[in-house]
């Protein structure tokens, strides 16, 4: 399976899961034009995408969804709360229940409720039936309980939010109410919290950890990577770790289910 992070951050989020037999887009936080450009940079076309899944209704995850879905005839899947109030034009939409599995031709999805200040947000665990490869997408959550983390302890690739450095957020330019929201129980994961969750998810077949949704104001990749690497020390993690960029797509792959790993950047 290949995982293409087309971009991740407060300016937009989109991830393509590609099994070779099927491609599904998770979130569409860029305009249709930018989505197409970024897909082309990793060798894909919008026409090859079979469905769009949305994790929640915030603009950095949904701003291009209505128009892209209508333009390329993507069926849209999201929780009822996420779809509520959306003007979907000609797009086909279907509400999903977090406790039920959504199955396509080769990819199946399990949805996990997340503690975030949206109507009905979810994280995702996707499985490719043809290979057995599993990908977890866990971003936009204020905290990670042991029960939540347990859903991601067998994935091959973990896309994990590392939104902010606690000290940078505390001393940074955000107004106090915004700082409280970001650091709150329904806000975003700090580097420290991301490290704790990453460590709890380590197992012998975890190939990649990709840090996502880094704040451009309250974090930098080097700081996030250092914090999570420190948390992983002594855990037995032998895979690779990278920080997703807001503007440069990043691709990782897991071949033959769980046997090998590759990474590339689309410059």
C-alpha atoms as a PDB file:
ATOM      1  CA  UNK A   1       0.000   0.000   0.000  1.00  0.00           C
ATOM      2  CA  UNK A   2       1.144   3.553  -0.706  1.00  0.00           C
ATOM      3  CA  UNK A   3       0.192   6.490   1.485  1.00  0.00           C
ATOM      4  CA  UNK A   4       0.435   9.928  -0.123  1.00  0.00           C
ATOM      5  CA  UNK A   5       0.189  12.846   2.308  1.00  0.00           C
ATOM      6  CA  UNK A   6      -0.638  15.616  -0.165  1.00  0.00           C
ATOM      7  CA  UNK A   7      -0.213  18.214   2.578  1.00  0.00           C
ATOM      8  CA  UNK A   8      -0.896  18.515   6.285  1.00  0.00           C
ATOM      9  CA  UNK A   9      -1.269  21.512   8.563  1.00  0.00           C
ATOM     10  CA  UNK A  10      -3.674  24.300   9.445  1.00  0.00           C
ATOM     11  CA  UNK A  11      -3.630  25.387   5.776  1.00  0.00           C
ATOM     12  CA  UNK A  12      -5.062  22.111   4.485  1.00  0.00           C
ATOM     13  CA  UNK A  13      -5.018  18.320   4.840  1.00  0.00           C
ATOM     14  CA  UNK A  14      -5.435  15.527   2.314  1.00  0.00           C
ATOM     15  CA  UNK A  15      -4.202  11.922   2.197  1.00  0.00           C
ATOM     16  CA  UNK A  16      -4.524   9.354  -0.612  1.00  0.00           C
ATOM     17  CA  UNK A  17      -4.470   5.656   0.255  1.00  0.00           C
ATOM     18  CA  UNK A  18      -3.454   3.587  -2.769  1.00  0.00           C
ATOM     19  CA  UNK A  19      -3.453  -0.211  -2.798  1.00  0.00           C
ATOM     20  CA  UNK A  20      -2.725  -0.526  -6.503  1.00  0.00           C
ATOM     21  CA  UNK A  21      -6.266  -1.791  -6.941  1.00  0.00           C
ATOM     22  CA  UNK A  22      -8.059   1.142  -5.352  1.00  0.00           C
ATOM     23  CA  UNK A  23      -7.435   4.752  -4.314  1.00  0.00           C
ATOM     24  CA  UNK A  24      -9.367   6.589  -1.632  1.00  0.00           C
ATOM     25  CA  UNK A  25      -8.857  10.206  -0.581  1.00  0.00           C
ATOM     26  CA  UNK A  26      -9.118  11.068   3.105  1.00  0.00           C
ATOM     27  CA  UNK A  27      -9.989  14.749   3.598  1.00  0.00           C
ATOM     28  CA  UNK A  28      -9.958  17.435   0.929  1.00  0.00           C
ATOM     29  CA  UNK A  29      -8.625  20.548   2.598  1.00  0.00           C
ATOM     30  CA  UNK A  30      -7.364  22.107  -0.640  1.00  0.00           C
ATOM     31  CA  UNK A  31      -9.123  23.535  -3.673  1.00  0.00           C
ATOM     32  CA  UNK A  32      -9.803  21.148  -6.562  1.00  0.00           C
ATOM     33  CA  UNK A  33      -7.018  22.768  -8.558  1.00  0.00           C
ATOM     34  CA  UNK A  34      -4.478  22.276  -5.767  1.00  0.00           C
ATOM     35  CA  UNK A  35      -5.686  18.738  -5.105  1.00  0.00           C
ATOM     36  CA  UNK A  36      -5.148  17.889  -8.768  1.00  0.00           C
ATOM     37  CA  UNK A  37      -1.703  19.509  -8.819  1.00  0.00           C
ATOM     38  CA  UNK A  38      -0.582  17.645  -5.709  1.00  0.00           C
ATOM     39  CA  UNK A  39      -1.904  14.335  -6.943  1.00  0.00           C
ATOM     40  CA  UNK A  40      -0.025  14.820 -10.188  1.00  0.00           C
ATOM     41  CA  UNK A  41       3.173  15.410  -8.217  1.00  0.00           C
ATOM     42  CA  UNK A  42       2.891  11.893  -6.781  1.00  0.00           C
ATOM     43  CA  UNK A  43       1.840  10.338 -10.090  1.00  0.00           C
ATOM     44  CA  UNK A  44      -1.929  10.206  -9.540  1.00  0.00           C
ATOM     45  CA  UNK A  45      -4.986  11.714 -11.178  1.00  0.00           C
ATOM     46  CA  UNK A  46      -8.254  12.760  -9.502  1.00  0.00           C
ATOM     47  CA  UNK A  47     -10.144  10.526 -11.918  1.00  0.00           C
ATOM     48  CA  UNK A  48      -8.426   7.475 -10.409  1.00  0.00           C
ATOM     49  CA  UNK A  49      -9.829   8.188  -6.927  1.00  0.00           C
ATOM     50  CA  UNK A  50     -12.878   6.060  -6.146  1.00  0.00           C
ATOM     51  CA  UNK A  51     -14.164   7.784  -2.981  1.00  0.00           C
ATOM     52  CA  UNK A  52     -13.639  10.630  -0.526  1.00  0.00           C
ATOM     53  CA  UNK A  53     -13.774  10.160   3.252  1.00  0.00           C
ATOM     54  CA  UNK A  54     -13.942  13.210   5.511  1.00  0.00           C
ATOM     55  CA  UNK A  55     -12.813  13.095   9.142  1.00  0.00           C
ATOM     56  CA  UNK A  56     -14.617  16.281  10.234  1.00  0.00           C
ATOM     57  CA  UNK A  57     -16.052  19.531   8.932  1.00  0.00           C
ATOM     58  CA  UNK A  58     -13.301  22.065   9.709  1.00  0.00           C
ATOM     59  CA  UNK A  59     -12.202  24.043   6.667  1.00  0.00           C
ATOM     60  CA  UNK A  60      -8.651  22.716   6.590  1.00  0.00           C
ATOM     61  CA  UNK A  61     -10.127  19.250   5.980  1.00  0.00           C
ATOM     62  CA  UNK A  62     -13.195  19.970   3.888  1.00  0.00           C
ATOM     63  CA  UNK A  63     -12.784  23.234   1.965  1.00  0.00           C
ATOM     64  CA  UNK A  64     -12.368  21.550  -1.438  1.00  0.00           C
ATOM     65  CA  UNK A  65     -14.633  18.583  -0.791  1.00  0.00           C
ATOM     66  CA  UNK A  66     -17.936  19.776  -2.285  1.00  0.00           C
ATOM     67  CA  UNK A  67     -16.529  21.063  -5.541  1.00  0.00           C
ATOM     68  CA  UNK A  68     -13.959  18.284  -6.043  1.00  0.00           C
ATOM     69  CA  UNK A  69     -16.528  15.569  -5.335  1.00  0.00           C
ATOM     70  CA  UNK A  70     -18.948  17.091  -7.827  1.00  0.00           C
ATOM     71  CA  UNK A  71     -16.246  17.650 -10.447  1.00  0.00           C
ATOM     72  CA  UNK A  72     -14.804  14.124 -10.315  1.00  0.00           C
ATOM     73  CA  UNK A  73     -17.951  12.282  -9.250  1.00  0.00           C
ATOM     74  CA  UNK A  74     -16.483  11.048  -5.966  1.00  0.00           C
ATOM     75  CA  UNK A  75     -18.951   9.575  -3.475  1.00  0.00           C
ATOM     76  CA  UNK A  76     -18.448  11.257  -0.095  1.00  0.00           C
ATOM     77  CA  UNK A  77     -18.493   9.363   3.211  1.00  0.00           C
ATOM     78  CA  UNK A  78     -18.557  11.056   6.617  1.00  0.00           C
ATOM     79  CA  UNK A  79     -20.425  10.912   9.889  1.00  0.00           C
ATOM     80  CA  UNK A  80     -23.889  12.457  10.021  1.00  0.00           C
ATOM     81  CA  UNK A  81     -22.571  15.239  12.220  1.00  0.00           C
ATOM     82  CA  UNK A  82     -19.838  16.098   9.737  1.00  0.00           C
ATOM     83  CA  UNK A  83     -22.303  16.168   6.832  1.00  0.00           C
ATOM     84  CA  UNK A  84     -24.806  18.273   8.762  1.00  0.00           C
ATOM     85  CA  UNK A  85     -25.395  21.662   7.178  1.00  0.00           C
ATOM     86  CA  UNK A  86     -23.109  21.027   4.226  1.00  0.00           C
ATOM     87  CA  UNK A  87     -24.216  22.243   0.802  1.00  0.00           C
ATOM     88  CA  UNK A  88     -23.123  19.293  -1.278  1.00  0.00           C
ATOM     89  CA  UNK A  89     -24.397  20.458  -4.675  1.00  0.00           C
ATOM     90  CA  UNK A  90     -24.400  17.426  -6.967  1.00  0.00           C
ATOM     91  CA  UNK A  91     -22.099  15.295  -4.836  1.00  0.00           C
ATOM     92  CA  UNK A  92     -23.277  11.898  -3.634  1.00  0.00           C
ATOM     93  CA  UNK A  93     -23.003  11.698   0.148  1.00  0.00           C
ATOM     94  CA  UNK A  94     -23.490   8.868   2.611  1.00  0.00           C
ATOM     95  CA  UNK A  95     -23.431   9.019   6.396  1.00  0.00           C
ATOM     96  CA  UNK A  96     -21.282   6.449   8.184  1.00  0.00           C
ATOM     97  CA  UNK A  97     -21.526   5.220  11.748  1.00  0.00           C
ATOM     98  CA  UNK A  98     -18.278   5.254  13.752  1.00  0.00           C
ATOM     99  CA  UNK A  99     -18.831   1.741  15.104  1.00  0.00           C
ATOM    100  CA  UNK A 100     -19.456   0.139  11.696  1.00  0.00           C
ATOM    101  CA  UNK A 101     -16.906  -0.812   9.051  1.00  0.00           C
ATOM    102  CA  UNK A 102     -17.015   0.797   5.626  1.00  0.00           C
ATOM    103  CA  UNK A 103     -15.832  -1.633   2.951  1.00  0.00           C
ATOM    104  CA  UNK A 104     -14.867  -0.880  -0.642  1.00  0.00           C
ATOM    105  CA  UNK A 105     -13.373  -3.173  -3.274  1.00  0.00           C
ATOM    106  CA  UNK A 106      -9.962  -3.500  -1.616  1.00  0.00           C
ATOM    107  CA  UNK A 107      -9.941  -1.020   1.255  1.00  0.00           C
ATOM    108  CA  UNK A 108     -11.955  -1.217   4.440  1.00  0.00           C
ATOM    109  CA  UNK A 109     -12.232   1.554   7.010  1.00  0.00           C
ATOM    110  CA  UNK A 110     -12.875   1.570  10.728  1.00  0.00           C
ATOM    111  CA  UNK A 111     -13.831   4.905  12.273  1.00  0.00           C
ATOM    112  CA  UNK A 112     -12.812   5.925  15.782  1.00  0.00           C
ATOM    113  CA  UNK A 113     -14.422   8.846  17.571  1.00  0.00           C
ATOM    114  CA  UNK A 114     -11.966  11.615  18.443  1.00  0.00           C
ATOM    115  CA  UNK A 115     -12.062  14.248  21.217  1.00  0.00           C
ATOM    116  CA  UNK A 116     -12.042  17.405  19.069  1.00  0.00           C
ATOM    117  CA  UNK A 117     -14.198  20.523  18.871  1.00  0.00           C
ATOM    118  CA  UNK A 118     -16.116  19.442  15.793  1.00  0.00           C
ATOM    119  CA  UNK A 119     -19.616  17.989  15.425  1.00  0.00           C
ATOM    120  CA  UNK A 120     -18.769  14.285  15.037  1.00  0.00           C
ATOM    121  CA  UNK A 121     -15.054  13.896  14.248  1.00  0.00           C
ATOM    122  CA  UNK A 122     -13.334  10.581  13.643  1.00  0.00           C
ATOM    123  CA  UNK A 123      -9.905   9.058  13.225  1.00  0.00           C
ATOM    124  CA  UNK A 124      -9.407   6.225  10.752  1.00  0.00           C
ATOM    125  CA  UNK A 125      -7.860   2.779  10.540  1.00  0.00           C
ATOM    126  CA  UNK A 126      -7.715   1.560   6.928  1.00  0.00           C
ATOM    127  CA  UNK A 127      -6.888  -2.004   5.856  1.00  0.00           C
ATOM    128  CA  UNK A 128      -5.975  -3.256   2.388  1.00  0.00           C
ATOM    129  CA  UNK A 129      -7.536  -6.676   2.068  1.00  0.00           C
ATOM    130  CA  UNK A 130      -5.224  -7.674  -0.797  1.00  0.00           C
ATOM    131  CA  UNK A 131      -2.069  -7.238   1.294  1.00  0.00           C
ATOM    132  CA  UNK A 132      -3.153  -6.921   4.920  1.00  0.00           C
ATOM    133  CA  UNK A 133      -1.395  -3.553   5.254  1.00  0.00           C
ATOM    134  CA  UNK A 134      -2.931  -1.177   7.782  1.00  0.00           C
ATOM    135  CA  UNK A 135      -2.763   2.602   8.032  1.00  0.00           C
ATOM    136  CA  UNK A 136      -3.890   4.707  10.983  1.00  0.00           C
ATOM    137  CA  UNK A 137      -4.783   8.390  10.603  1.00  0.00           C
ATOM    138  CA  UNK A 138      -5.088  10.138  13.961  1.00  0.00           C
ATOM    139  CA  UNK A 139      -5.065  13.911  13.833  1.00  0.00           C
ATOM    140  CA  UNK A 140      -7.173  16.722  15.271  1.00  0.00           C
ATOM    141  CA  UNK A 141      -7.631  15.303  18.748  1.00  0.00           C
ATOM    142  CA  UNK A 142      -7.165  16.985  22.078  1.00  0.00           C
ATOM    143  CA  UNK A 143      -5.977  13.922  23.977  1.00  0.00           C
ATOM    144  CA  UNK A 144      -5.440  10.217  23.438  1.00  0.00           C
ATOM    145  CA  UNK A 145      -6.939   7.818  25.982  1.00  0.00           C
ATOM    146  CA  UNK A 146      -5.662   4.239  26.287  1.00  0.00           C
ATOM    147  CA  UNK A 147      -8.900   3.036  24.688  1.00  0.00           C
ATOM    148  CA  UNK A 148      -8.363   5.352  21.712  1.00  0.00           C
ATOM    149  CA  UNK A 149      -4.709   4.400  21.330  1.00  0.00           C
ATOM    150  CA  UNK A 150      -5.601   0.707  21.338  1.00  0.00           C
ATOM    151  CA  UNK A 151      -7.186   1.073  17.895  1.00  0.00           C
ATOM    152  CA  UNK A 152      -3.776   1.954  16.397  1.00  0.00           C
ATOM    153  CA  UNK A 153      -1.499  -0.613  18.001  1.00  0.00           C
ATOM    154  CA  UNK A 154      -1.357  -2.918  14.972  1.00  0.00           C
ATOM    155  CA  UNK A 155      -0.939  -0.463  12.076  1.00  0.00           C
ATOM    156  CA  UNK A 156       1.992  -0.551   9.648  1.00  0.00           C
ATOM    157  CA  UNK A 157       1.880   3.208   9.014  1.00  0.00           C
ATOM    158  CA  UNK A 158       0.778   5.727  11.634  1.00  0.00           C
ATOM    159  CA  UNK A 159      -0.130   9.277  10.611  1.00  0.00           C
ATOM    160  CA  UNK A 160      -0.144  11.063  13.950  1.00  0.00           C
ATOM    161  CA  UNK A 161      -0.788  14.649  14.918  1.00  0.00           C
ATOM    162  CA  UNK A 162       2.075  16.558  16.536  1.00  0.00           C
ATOM    163  CA  UNK A 163       0.517  19.994  16.431  1.00  0.00           C
ATOM    164  CA  UNK A 164       2.434  22.157  18.868  1.00  0.00           C
ATOM    165  CA  UNK A 165       5.327  22.497  21.237  1.00  0.00           C
ATOM    166  CA  UNK A 166       3.934  23.375  24.673  1.00  0.00           C
ATOM    167  CA  UNK A 167       6.443  26.152  25.342  1.00  0.00           C
ATOM    168  CA  UNK A 168       6.118  27.684  21.874  1.00  0.00           C
ATOM    169  CA  UNK A 169       2.344  27.730  22.265  1.00  0.00           C
ATOM    170  CA  UNK A 170       2.567  29.241  25.762  1.00  0.00           C
ATOM    171  CA  UNK A 171       4.891  32.079  24.710  1.00  0.00           C
ATOM    172  CA  UNK A 172       3.606  32.497  21.163  1.00  0.00           C
ATOM    173  CA  UNK A 173       1.369  35.153  19.594  1.00  0.00           C
ATOM    174  CA  UNK A 174      -2.008  33.413  19.832  1.00  0.00           C
ATOM    175  CA  UNK A 175      -4.650  35.118  22.011  1.00  0.00           C
ATOM    176  CA  UNK A 176      -5.168  33.391  25.335  1.00  0.00           C
ATOM    177  CA  UNK A 177      -8.572  31.864  24.403  1.00  0.00           C
ATOM    178  CA  UNK A 178      -7.032  30.319  21.276  1.00  0.00           C
ATOM    179  CA  UNK A 179      -4.135  28.932  23.305  1.00  0.00           C
ATOM    180  CA  UNK A 180      -6.630  27.366  25.687  1.00  0.00           C
ATOM    181  CA  UNK A 181      -8.557  25.844  22.796  1.00  0.00           C
ATOM    182  CA  UNK A 182      -5.460  24.376  21.104  1.00  0.00           C
ATOM    183  CA  UNK A 183      -4.093  22.901  24.346  1.00  0.00           C
ATOM    184  CA  UNK A 184      -7.490  21.799  25.619  1.00  0.00           C
ATOM    185  CA  UNK A 185      -8.950  18.318  25.850  1.00  0.00           C
ATOM    186  CA  UNK A 186     -10.813  18.872  22.565  1.00  0.00           C
ATOM    187  CA  UNK A 187      -8.034  20.720  20.779  1.00  0.00           C
ATOM    188  CA  UNK A 188      -4.820  19.347  19.289  1.00  0.00           C
ATOM    189  CA  UNK A 189      -2.071  16.948  20.366  1.00  0.00           C
ATOM    190  CA  UNK A 190       1.192  18.437  21.558  1.00  0.00           C
ATOM    191  CA  UNK A 191       4.564  16.971  20.629  1.00  0.00           C
ATOM    192  CA  UNK A 192       4.763  15.448  24.088  1.00  0.00           C
ATOM    193  CA  UNK A 193       1.340  13.797  23.769  1.00  0.00           C
ATOM    194  CA  UNK A 194       2.176  12.584  20.260  1.00  0.00           C
ATOM    195  CA  UNK A 195       5.337  10.974  21.593  1.00  0.00           C
ATOM    196  CA  UNK A 196       3.401   9.157  24.285  1.00  0.00           C
ATOM    197  CA  UNK A 197       0.886   7.822  21.791  1.00  0.00           C
ATOM    198  CA  UNK A 198       3.587   6.845  19.294  1.00  0.00           C
ATOM    199  CA  UNK A 199       5.414   4.867  21.967  1.00  0.00           C
ATOM    200  CA  UNK A 200       2.219   3.075  22.959  1.00  0.00           C
ATOM    201  CA  UNK A 201       1.656   2.073  19.317  1.00  0.00           C
ATOM    202  CA  UNK A 202       5.094   0.539  18.739  1.00  0.00           C
ATOM    203  CA  UNK A 203       5.105  -3.101  17.652  1.00  0.00           C
ATOM    204  CA  UNK A 204       7.359  -5.180  15.454  1.00  0.00           C
ATOM    205  CA  UNK A 205       5.592  -4.383  12.165  1.00  0.00           C
ATOM    206  CA  UNK A 206       5.233  -0.596  12.565  1.00  0.00           C
ATOM    207  CA  UNK A 207       7.192   0.700   9.562  1.00  0.00           C
ATOM    208  CA  UNK A 208       6.465   4.426   9.415  1.00  0.00           C
ATOM    209  CA  UNK A 209       5.406   7.205  11.742  1.00  0.00           C
ATOM    210  CA  UNK A 210       4.463  10.405   9.920  1.00  0.00           C
ATOM    211  CA  UNK A 211       3.938  13.451  12.130  1.00  0.00           C
ATOM    212  CA  UNK A 212       1.042  15.533  10.797  1.00  0.00           C
ATOM    213  CA  UNK A 213      -0.800  18.792  11.320  1.00  0.00           C
ATOM    214  CA  UNK A 214       2.243  20.678  12.645  1.00  0.00           C
ATOM    215  CA  UNK A 215       1.444  24.267  13.557  1.00  0.00           C
ATOM    216  CA  UNK A 216       3.363  26.788  11.473  1.00  0.00           C
ATOM    217  CA  UNK A 217       3.273  29.190  14.444  1.00  0.00           C
ATOM    218  CA  UNK A 218       3.807  26.936  17.453  1.00  0.00           C
ATOM    219  CA  UNK A 219       6.008  24.146  16.127  1.00  0.00           C
ATOM    220  CA  UNK A 220       8.843  23.300  13.767  1.00  0.00           C
ATOM    221  CA  UNK A 221       9.595  19.861  12.320  1.00  0.00           C
ATOM    222  CA  UNK A 222      12.944  19.531  14.098  1.00  0.00           C
ATOM    223  CA  UNK A 223      11.382  20.179  17.497  1.00  0.00           C
ATOM    224  CA  UNK A 224       8.498  17.773  16.865  1.00  0.00           C
ATOM    225  CA  UNK A 225      10.787  15.026  15.594  1.00  0.00           C
ATOM    226  CA  UNK A 226      13.172  15.435  18.531  1.00  0.00           C
ATOM    227  CA  UNK A 227      10.334  15.202  21.050  1.00  0.00           C
ATOM    228  CA  UNK A 228       8.801  12.085  19.519  1.00  0.00           C
ATOM    229  CA  UNK A 229      12.189  10.419  18.981  1.00  0.00           C
ATOM    230  CA  UNK A 230      12.924  11.009  22.642  1.00  0.00           C
ATOM    231  CA  UNK A 231       9.658   9.350  23.620  1.00  0.00           C
ATOM    232  CA  UNK A 232      10.452   6.379  21.371  1.00  0.00           C
ATOM    233  CA  UNK A 233      13.890   5.807  22.838  1.00  0.00           C
ATOM    234  CA  UNK A 234      14.102   2.264  24.184  1.00  0.00           C
ATOM    235  CA  UNK A 235      10.735   1.296  22.687  1.00  0.00           C
ATOM    236  CA  UNK A 236      12.168  -1.002  20.036  1.00  0.00           C
ATOM    237  CA  UNK A 237      10.859   1.084  17.135  1.00  0.00           C
ATOM    238  CA  UNK A 238      12.929   0.292  14.019  1.00  0.00           C
ATOM    239  CA  UNK A 239      10.938   2.089  11.361  1.00  0.00           C
ATOM    240  CA  UNK A 240      11.272   5.548   9.851  1.00  0.00           C
ATOM    241  CA  UNK A 241       9.795   8.817  11.068  1.00  0.00           C
ATOM    242  CA  UNK A 242       9.119  11.973   9.085  1.00  0.00           C
ATOM    243  CA  UNK A 243       7.192  15.190   9.502  1.00  0.00           C
ATOM    244  CA  UNK A 244       4.583  15.916   6.837  1.00  0.00           C
ATOM    245  CA  UNK A 245       4.861  19.302   5.155  1.00  0.00           C
ATOM    246  CA  UNK A 246       2.077  21.763   4.447  1.00  0.00           C
ATOM    247  CA  UNK A 247       3.192  22.273   0.861  1.00  0.00           C
ATOM    248  CA  UNK A 248       5.363  19.316  -0.210  1.00  0.00           C
ATOM    249  CA  UNK A 249       3.632  15.927  -0.691  1.00  0.00           C
ATOM    250  CA  UNK A 250       5.199  12.967   1.082  1.00  0.00           C
ATOM    251  CA  UNK A 251       4.723   9.311   0.114  1.00  0.00           C
ATOM    252  CA  UNK A 252       5.418   6.149   2.092  1.00  0.00           C
ATOM    253  CA  UNK A 253       4.780   2.560   1.112  1.00  0.00           C
ATOM    254  CA  UNK A 254       4.513  -0.829   2.748  1.00  0.00           C
ATOM    255  CA  UNK A 255       5.006  -3.733   0.326  1.00  0.00           C
ATOM    256  CA  UNK A 256       3.609  -7.241   0.631  1.00  0.00           C
ATOM    257  CA  UNK A 257       1.594  -6.413   3.694  1.00  0.00           C
ATOM    258  CA  UNK A 258       4.348  -5.903   6.237  1.00  0.00           C
ATOM    259  CA  UNK A 259       7.702  -6.805   4.699  1.00  0.00           C
ATOM    260  CA  UNK A 260       9.408  -3.654   3.437  1.00  0.00           C
ATOM    261  CA  UNK A 261       9.135   0.125   3.443  1.00  0.00           C
ATOM    262  CA  UNK A 262      10.032   3.035   1.184  1.00  0.00           C
ATOM    263  CA  UNK A 263       9.649   6.798   1.388  1.00  0.00           C
ATOM    264  CA  UNK A 264       9.785   9.575  -1.171  1.00  0.00           C
ATOM    265  CA  UNK A 265       9.210  13.315  -1.267  1.00  0.00           C
ATOM    266  CA  UNK A 266       7.546  15.010  -4.223  1.00  0.00           C
ATOM    267  CA  UNK A 267       9.474  18.247  -4.677  1.00  0.00           C
END
